[in-house]
Amino acid sequence: MPAIIGPVQIINVGGGIVQFGDSLYISPKSNSKSTTGQGAVNSGGFIITNNGLSASNVLDTSLVDQPNVGNN
């Protein structure tokens, strides 16, 4: 069913699909893993982070965390 879309402003698309109009099946898939120290990826207007000791465990013993193949 068609729709009327007004003004659109897209600032950033970091991997994915932007769809306007009809679609039957859209299923974007991605997975990633990041390792950061405590308080490293906080976001907001006013942040106070007090860290006594910060350490990140980068040893990953699992072979598969979240498979993309066959995950429809």
PDB file of N, CA and C in Angstrom:
ATOM      1  N   MET A   1       0.835  -1.167   0.000  1.00  0.00           N
ATOM      2  CA  MET A   1       0.000   0.000   0.000  1.00  0.00           C
ATOM      3  C   MET A   1       0.891   1.244   0.000  1.00  0.00           C
ATOM      4  N   PRO A   2       0.784   2.077  -0.992  1.00  0.00           N
ATOM      5  CA  PRO A   2       1.615   3.273  -1.078  1.00  0.00           C
ATOM      6  C   PRO A   2       1.326   4.245   0.063  1.00  0.00           C
ATOM      7  N   ALA A   3       2.355   4.984   0.434  1.00  0.00           N
ATOM      8  CA  ALA A   3       2.223   5.975   1.495  1.00  0.00           C
ATOM      9  C   ALA A   3       2.822   7.292   1.030  1.00  0.00           C
ATOM     10  N   ILE A   4       2.308   8.377   1.573  1.00  0.00           N
ATOM     11  CA  ILE A   4       2.849   9.702   1.281  1.00  0.00           C
ATOM     12  C   ILE A   4       3.819  10.042   2.403  1.00  0.00           C
ATOM     13  N   ILE A   5       5.065  10.300   2.029  1.00  0.00           N
ATOM     14  CA  ILE A   5       6.102  10.594   3.005  1.00  0.00           C
ATOM     15  C   ILE A   5       6.500  12.046   2.861  1.00  0.00           C
ATOM     16  N   GLY A   6       6.504  12.766   3.961  1.00  0.00           N
ATOM     17  CA  GLY A   6       6.884  14.175   3.962  1.00  0.00           C
ATOM     18  C   GLY A   6       8.396  14.335   3.950  1.00  0.00           C
ATOM     19  N   PRO A   7       8.876  15.471   4.410  1.00  0.00           N
ATOM     20  CA  PRO A   7      10.323  15.722   4.431  1.00  0.00           C
ATOM     21  C   PRO A   7      11.055  14.707   5.303  1.00  0.00           C
ATOM     22  N   VAL A   8      12.173  14.214   4.796  1.00  0.00           N
ATOM     23  CA  VAL A   8      12.971  13.217   5.504  1.00  0.00           C
ATOM     24  C   VAL A   8      14.415  13.691   5.543  1.00  0.00           C
ATOM     25  N   GLN A   9      15.020  13.603   6.716  1.00  0.00           N
ATOM     26  CA  GLN A   9      16.434  13.924   6.848  1.00  0.00           C
ATOM     27  C   GLN A   9      17.125  12.735   7.487  1.00  0.00           C
ATOM     28  N   ILE A  10      18.014  12.101   6.747  1.00  0.00           N
ATOM     29  CA  ILE A  10      18.777  10.967   7.253  1.00  0.00           C
ATOM     30  C   ILE A  10      20.200  11.454   7.489  1.00  0.00           C
ATOM     31  N   ILE A  11      20.613  11.440   8.733  1.00  0.00           N
ATOM     32  CA  ILE A  11      21.944  11.933   9.078  1.00  0.00           C
ATOM     33  C   ILE A  11      23.006  10.884   8.805  1.00  0.00           C
ATOM     34  N   ASN A  12      22.779   9.649   9.269  1.00  0.00           N
ATOM     35  CA  ASN A  12      23.801   8.621   9.143  1.00  0.00           C
ATOM     36  C   ASN A  12      23.136   7.256   9.062  1.00  0.00           C
ATOM     37  N   VAL A  13      23.594   6.431   8.135  1.00  0.00           N
ATOM     38  CA  VAL A  13      23.176   5.042   8.059  1.00  0.00           C
ATOM     39  C   VAL A  13      24.446   4.222   8.071  1.00  0.00           C
ATOM     40  N   GLY A  14      24.643   3.474   9.151  1.00  0.00           N
ATOM     41  CA  GLY A  14      25.856   2.682   9.272  1.00  0.00           C
ATOM     42  C   GLY A  14      25.560   1.218   9.016  1.00  0.00           C
ATOM     43  N   GLY A  15      25.438   0.826   7.791  1.00  0.00           N
ATOM     44  CA  GLY A  15      25.132  -0.560   7.458  1.00  0.00           C
ATOM     45  C   GLY A  15      23.677  -0.866   7.709  1.00  0.00           C
ATOM     46  N   GLY A  16      22.949  -1.167   6.709  1.00  0.00           N
ATOM     47  CA  GLY A  16      21.537  -1.451   6.866  1.00  0.00           C
ATOM     48  C   GLY A  16      20.775  -1.065   5.623  1.00  0.00           C
ATOM     49  N   ILE A  17      19.462  -0.998   5.734  1.00  0.00           N
ATOM     50  CA  ILE A  17      18.601  -0.703   4.599  1.00  0.00           C
ATOM     51  C   ILE A  17      17.636   0.404   4.995  1.00  0.00           C
ATOM     52  N   VAL A  18      17.510   1.386   4.136  1.00  0.00           N
ATOM     53  CA  VAL A  18      16.483   2.411   4.297  1.00  0.00           C
ATOM     54  C   VAL A  18      15.479   2.182   3.183  1.00  0.00           C
ATOM     55  N   GLN A  19      14.258   1.852   3.543  1.00  0.00           N
ATOM     56  CA  GLN A  19      13.237   1.480   2.559  1.00  0.00           C
ATOM     57  C   GLN A  19      12.081   2.460   2.629  1.00  0.00           C
ATOM     58  N   PHE A  20      11.715   3.024   1.488  1.00  0.00           N
ATOM     59  CA  PHE A  20      10.527   3.855   1.369  1.00  0.00           C
ATOM     60  C   PHE A  20       9.630   3.211   0.327  1.00  0.00           C
ATOM     61  N   GLY A  21       8.406   2.915   0.691  1.00  0.00           N
ATOM     62  CA  GLY A  21       7.490   2.296  -0.253  1.00  0.00           C
ATOM     63  C   GLY A  21       7.218   0.852   0.110  1.00  0.00           C
ATOM     64  N   ASP A  22       6.679   0.124  -0.854  1.00  0.00           N
ATOM     65  CA  ASP A  22       6.263  -1.257  -0.621  1.00  0.00           C
ATOM     66  C   ASP A  22       7.462  -2.197  -0.580  1.00  0.00           C
ATOM     67  N   SER A  23       7.356  -3.211   0.239  1.00  0.00           N
ATOM     68  CA  SER A  23       8.368  -4.259   0.273  1.00  0.00           C
ATOM     69  C   SER A  23       7.723  -5.540   0.766  1.00  0.00           C
ATOM     70  N   LEU A  24       8.193  -6.654   0.274  1.00  0.00           N
ATOM     71  CA  LEU A  24       7.664  -7.947   0.689  1.00  0.00           C
ATOM     72  C   LEU A  24       8.467  -8.521   1.835  1.00  0.00           C
ATOM     73  N   TYR A  25       9.797  -8.472   1.730  1.00  0.00           N
ATOM     74  CA  TYR A  25      10.640  -9.120   2.724  1.00  0.00           C
ATOM     75  C   TYR A  25      11.971  -8.385   2.802  1.00  0.00           C
ATOM     76  N   ILE A  26      12.282  -7.803   3.938  1.00  0.00           N
ATOM     77  CA  ILE A  26      13.567  -7.156   4.166  1.00  0.00           C
ATOM     78  C   ILE A  26      14.146  -7.751   5.433  1.00  0.00           C
ATOM     79  N   SER A  27      15.349  -8.262   5.346  1.00  0.00           N
ATOM     80  CA  SER A  27      15.967  -8.882   6.509  1.00  0.00           C
ATOM     81  C   SER A  27      17.471  -8.628   6.516  1.00  0.00           C
ATOM     82  N   PRO A  28      17.891  -7.413   6.884  1.00  0.00           N
ATOM     83  CA  PRO A  28      19.334  -7.168   6.961  1.00  0.00           C
ATOM     84  C   PRO A  28      19.924  -7.871   8.174  1.00  0.00           C
ATOM     85  N   LYS A  29      21.114  -8.415   8.007  1.00  0.00           N
ATOM     86  CA  LYS A  29      21.752  -9.148   9.096  1.00  0.00           C
ATOM     87  C   LYS A  29      23.199  -8.712   9.230  1.00  0.00           C
ATOM     88  N   SER A  30      23.626  -8.545  10.439  1.00  0.00           N
ATOM     89  CA  SER A  30      25.031  -8.315  10.722  1.00  0.00           C
ATOM     90  C   SER A  30      25.273  -8.619  12.191  1.00  0.00           C
ATOM     91  N   ASN A  31      26.492  -8.953  12.514  1.00  0.00           N
ATOM     92  CA  ASN A  31      26.865  -9.119  13.908  1.00  0.00           C
ATOM     93  C   ASN A  31      28.297  -8.668  14.080  1.00  0.00           C
ATOM     94  N   SER A  32      28.604  -8.187  15.257  1.00  0.00           N
ATOM     95  CA  SER A  32      29.953  -7.720  15.545  1.00  0.00           C
ATOM     96  C   SER A  32      30.200  -7.813  17.041  1.00  0.00           C
ATOM     97  N   LYS A  33      31.454  -7.768  17.403  1.00  0.00           N
ATOM     98  CA  LYS A  33      31.827  -7.809  18.809  1.00  0.00           C
ATOM     99  C   LYS A  33      32.904  -6.757  19.037  1.00  0.00           C
ATOM    100  N   SER A  34      32.772  -6.005  20.098  1.00  0.00           N
ATOM    101  CA  SER A  34      33.787  -5.016  20.432  1.00  0.00           C
ATOM    102  C   SER A  34      34.198  -5.192  21.881  1.00  0.00           C
ATOM    103  N   THR A  35      35.440  -4.900  22.148  1.00  0.00           N
ATOM    104  CA  THR A  35      35.976  -4.997  23.495  1.00  0.00           C
ATOM    105  C   THR A  35      36.500  -3.630  23.902  1.00  0.00           C
ATOM    106  N   THR A  36      35.893  -3.047  24.906  1.00  0.00           N
ATOM    107  CA  THR A  36      36.314  -1.741  25.397  1.00  0.00           C
ATOM    108  C   THR A  36      36.392  -1.784  26.915  1.00  0.00           C
ATOM    109  N   GLY A  37      37.106  -0.859  27.483  1.00  0.00           N
ATOM    110  CA  GLY A  37      37.199  -0.764  28.933  1.00  0.00           C
ATOM    111  C   GLY A  37      35.938  -0.164  29.527  1.00  0.00           C
ATOM    112  N   GLN A  38      35.828  -0.229  30.833  1.00  0.00           N
ATOM    113  CA  GLN A  38      34.612   0.266  31.479  1.00  0.00           C
ATOM    114  C   GLN A  38      34.531   1.774  31.325  1.00  0.00           C
ATOM    115  N   GLY A  39      33.335   2.249  30.994  1.00  0.00           N
ATOM    116  CA  GLY A  39      33.101   3.675  30.808  1.00  0.00           C
ATOM    117  C   GLY A  39      33.573   4.214  29.484  1.00  0.00           C
ATOM    118  N   ALA A  40      33.976   3.364  28.530  1.00  0.00           N
ATOM    119  CA  ALA A  40      34.549   3.847  27.279  1.00  0.00           C
ATOM    120  C   ALA A  40      33.497   4.245  26.263  1.00  0.00           C
ATOM    121  N   VAL A  41      32.343   3.605  26.253  1.00  0.00           N
ATOM    122  CA  VAL A  41      31.339   3.884  25.230  1.00  0.00           C
ATOM    123  C   VAL A  41      30.079   4.518  25.823  1.00  0.00           C
ATOM    124  N   ASN A  42      30.239   5.259  26.884  1.00  0.00           N
ATOM    125  CA  ASN A  42      29.100   5.993  27.448  1.00  0.00           C
ATOM    126  C   ASN A  42      28.731   7.134  26.522  1.00  0.00           C
ATOM    127  N   SER A  43      27.465   7.431  26.433  1.00  0.00           N
ATOM    128  CA  SER A  43      27.025   8.556  25.617  1.00  0.00           C
ATOM    129  C   SER A  43      25.922   9.288  26.366  1.00  0.00           C
ATOM    130  N   GLY A  44      25.925  10.588  26.224  1.00  0.00           N
ATOM    131  CA  GLY A  44      24.910  11.389  26.900  1.00  0.00           C
ATOM    132  C   GLY A  44      25.382  12.820  27.027  1.00  0.00           C
ATOM    133  N   GLY A  45      24.547  13.634  27.635  1.00  0.00           N
ATOM    134  CA  GLY A  45      24.864  15.046  27.765  1.00  0.00           C
ATOM    135  C   GLY A  45      25.843  15.343  28.884  1.00  0.00           C
ATOM    136  N   PHE A  46      25.748  14.625  29.994  1.00  0.00           N
ATOM    137  CA  PHE A  46      26.603  14.887  31.159  1.00  0.00           C
ATOM    138  C   PHE A  46      26.968  13.558  31.792  1.00  0.00           C
ATOM    139  N   ILE A  47      28.232  13.153  31.687  1.00  0.00           N
ATOM    140  CA  ILE A  47      28.666  11.841  32.159  1.00  0.00           C
ATOM    141  C   ILE A  47      29.790  12.016  33.166  1.00  0.00           C
ATOM    142  N   ILE A  48      29.651  11.364  34.299  1.00  0.00           N
ATOM    143  CA  ILE A  48      30.732  11.279  35.278  1.00  0.00           C
ATOM    144  C   ILE A  48      31.032   9.796  35.464  1.00  0.00           C
ATOM    145  N   THR A  49      32.259   9.395  35.167  1.00  0.00           N
ATOM    146  CA  THR A  49      32.659   8.003  35.291  1.00  0.00           C
ATOM    147  C   THR A  49      33.854   7.912  36.223  1.00  0.00           C
ATOM    148  N   ASN A  50      33.710   7.165  37.296  1.00  0.00           N
ATOM    149  CA  ASN A  50      34.796   6.955  38.243  1.00  0.00           C
ATOM    150  C   ASN A  50      35.207   5.486  38.186  1.00  0.00           C
ATOM    151  N   ASN A  51      36.400   5.230  37.682  1.00  0.00           N
ATOM    152  CA  ASN A  51      36.895   3.866  37.544  1.00  0.00           C
ATOM    153  C   ASN A  51      38.143   3.686  38.396  1.00  0.00           C
ATOM    154  N   GLY A  52      38.113   2.715  39.276  1.00  0.00           N
ATOM    155  CA  GLY A  52      39.292   2.432  40.068  1.00  0.00           C
ATOM    156  C   GLY A  52      40.299   1.611  39.283  1.00  0.00           C
ATOM    157  N   LEU A  53      39.849   0.542  38.682  1.00  0.00           N
ATOM    158  CA  LEU A  53      40.705  -0.345  37.902  1.00  0.00           C
ATOM    159  C   LEU A  53      39.898  -0.820  36.705  1.00  0.00           C
ATOM    160  N   SER A  54      40.455  -0.687  35.520  1.00  0.00           N
ATOM    161  CA  SER A  54      39.743  -1.063  34.308  1.00  0.00           C
ATOM    162  C   SER A  54      40.568  -2.069  33.528  1.00  0.00           C
ATOM    163  N   ALA A  55      39.962  -3.210  33.235  1.00  0.00           N
ATOM    164  CA  ALA A  55      40.632  -4.230  32.432  1.00  0.00           C
ATOM    165  C   ALA A  55      39.599  -4.905  31.547  1.00  0.00           C
ATOM    166  N   SER A  56      39.982  -5.224  30.324  1.00  0.00           N
ATOM    167  CA  SER A  56      39.085  -5.881  29.377  1.00  0.00           C
ATOM    168  C   SER A  56      39.611  -7.268  29.054  1.00  0.00           C
ATOM    169  N   ASN A  57      38.747  -8.255  29.134  1.00  0.00           N
ATOM    170  CA  ASN A  57      39.122  -9.622  28.798  1.00  0.00           C
ATOM    171  C   ASN A  57      38.894  -9.826  27.304  1.00  0.00           C
ATOM    172  N   VAL A  58      39.955  -9.973  26.553  1.00  0.00           N
ATOM    173  CA  VAL A  58      39.836 -10.134  25.103  1.00  0.00           C
ATOM    174  C   VAL A  58      39.935 -11.598  24.681  1.00  0.00           C
ATOM    175  N   LEU A  59      40.060 -12.500  25.624  1.00  0.00           N
ATOM    176  CA  LEU A  59      40.116 -13.916  25.310  1.00  0.00           C
ATOM    177  C   LEU A  59      38.702 -14.432  25.074  1.00  0.00           C
ATOM    178  N   ASP A  60      38.415 -14.876  23.855  1.00  0.00           N
ATOM    179  CA  ASP A  60      37.085 -15.364  23.496  1.00  0.00           C
ATOM    180  C   ASP A  60      37.184 -16.866  23.270  1.00  0.00           C
ATOM    181  N   THR A  61      36.628 -17.653  24.182  1.00  0.00           N
ATOM    182  CA  THR A  61      36.729 -19.102  24.076  1.00  0.00           C
ATOM    183  C   THR A  61      35.592 -19.732  23.284  1.00  0.00           C
ATOM    184  N   SER A  62      34.522 -18.979  23.023  1.00  0.00           N
ATOM    185  CA  SER A  62      33.417 -19.544  22.251  1.00  0.00           C
ATOM    186  C   SER A  62      33.747 -19.482  20.759  1.00  0.00           C
ATOM    187  N   LEU A  63      33.429 -20.544  20.046  1.00  0.00           N
ATOM    188  CA  LEU A  63      33.728 -20.587  18.617  1.00  0.00           C
ATOM    189  C   LEU A  63      32.726 -19.783  17.811  1.00  0.00           C
ATOM    190  N   VAL A  64      31.437 -19.896  18.142  1.00  0.00           N
ATOM    191  CA  VAL A  64      30.390 -19.186  17.413  1.00  0.00           C
ATOM    192  C   VAL A  64      29.483 -18.523  18.435  1.00  0.00           C
ATOM    193  N   ASP A  65      29.348 -17.205  18.351  1.00  0.00           N
ATOM    194  CA  ASP A  65      28.475 -16.486  19.270  1.00  0.00           C
ATOM    195  C   ASP A  65      27.051 -16.372  18.728  1.00  0.00           C
ATOM    196  N   GLN A  66      26.898 -15.772  17.563  1.00  0.00           N
ATOM    197  CA  GLN A  66      25.592 -15.583  16.937  1.00  0.00           C
ATOM    198  C   GLN A  66      25.767 -15.799  15.444  1.00  0.00           C
ATOM    199  N   PRO A  67      25.414 -16.964  14.921  1.00  0.00           N
ATOM    200  CA  PRO A  67      25.621 -17.192  13.488  1.00  0.00           C
ATOM    201  C   PRO A  67      24.623 -16.420  12.637  1.00  0.00           C
ATOM    202  N   ASN A  68      25.106 -15.915  11.507  1.00  0.00           N
ATOM    203  CA  ASN A  68      24.240 -15.222  10.557  1.00  0.00           C
ATOM    204  C   ASN A  68      23.629 -16.186   9.559  1.00  0.00           C
ATOM    205  N   VAL A  69      24.321 -17.237   9.224  1.00  0.00           N
ATOM    206  CA  VAL A  69      23.878 -18.165   8.179  1.00  0.00           C
ATOM    207  C   VAL A  69      22.662 -18.935   8.689  1.00  0.00           C
ATOM    208  N   GLY A  70      21.612 -18.955   7.908  1.00  0.00           N
ATOM    209  CA  GLY A  70      20.412 -19.698   8.269  1.00  0.00           C
ATOM    210  C   GLY A  70      19.618 -19.101   9.393  1.00  0.00           C
ATOM    211  N   ASN A  71      19.838 -17.848   9.714  1.00  0.00           N
ATOM    212  CA  ASN A  71      19.139 -17.201  10.811  1.00  0.00           C
ATOM    213  C   ASN A  71      18.096 -16.244  10.250  1.00  0.00           C
ATOM    214  N   ASN A  72      17.109 -16.776   9.541  1.00  0.00           N
ATOM    215  CA  ASN A  72      16.105 -15.943   8.886  1.00  0.00           C
ATOM    216  C   ASN A  72      14.973 -15.629   9.813  1.00  0.00           C
TER     217      ASN A  72
END
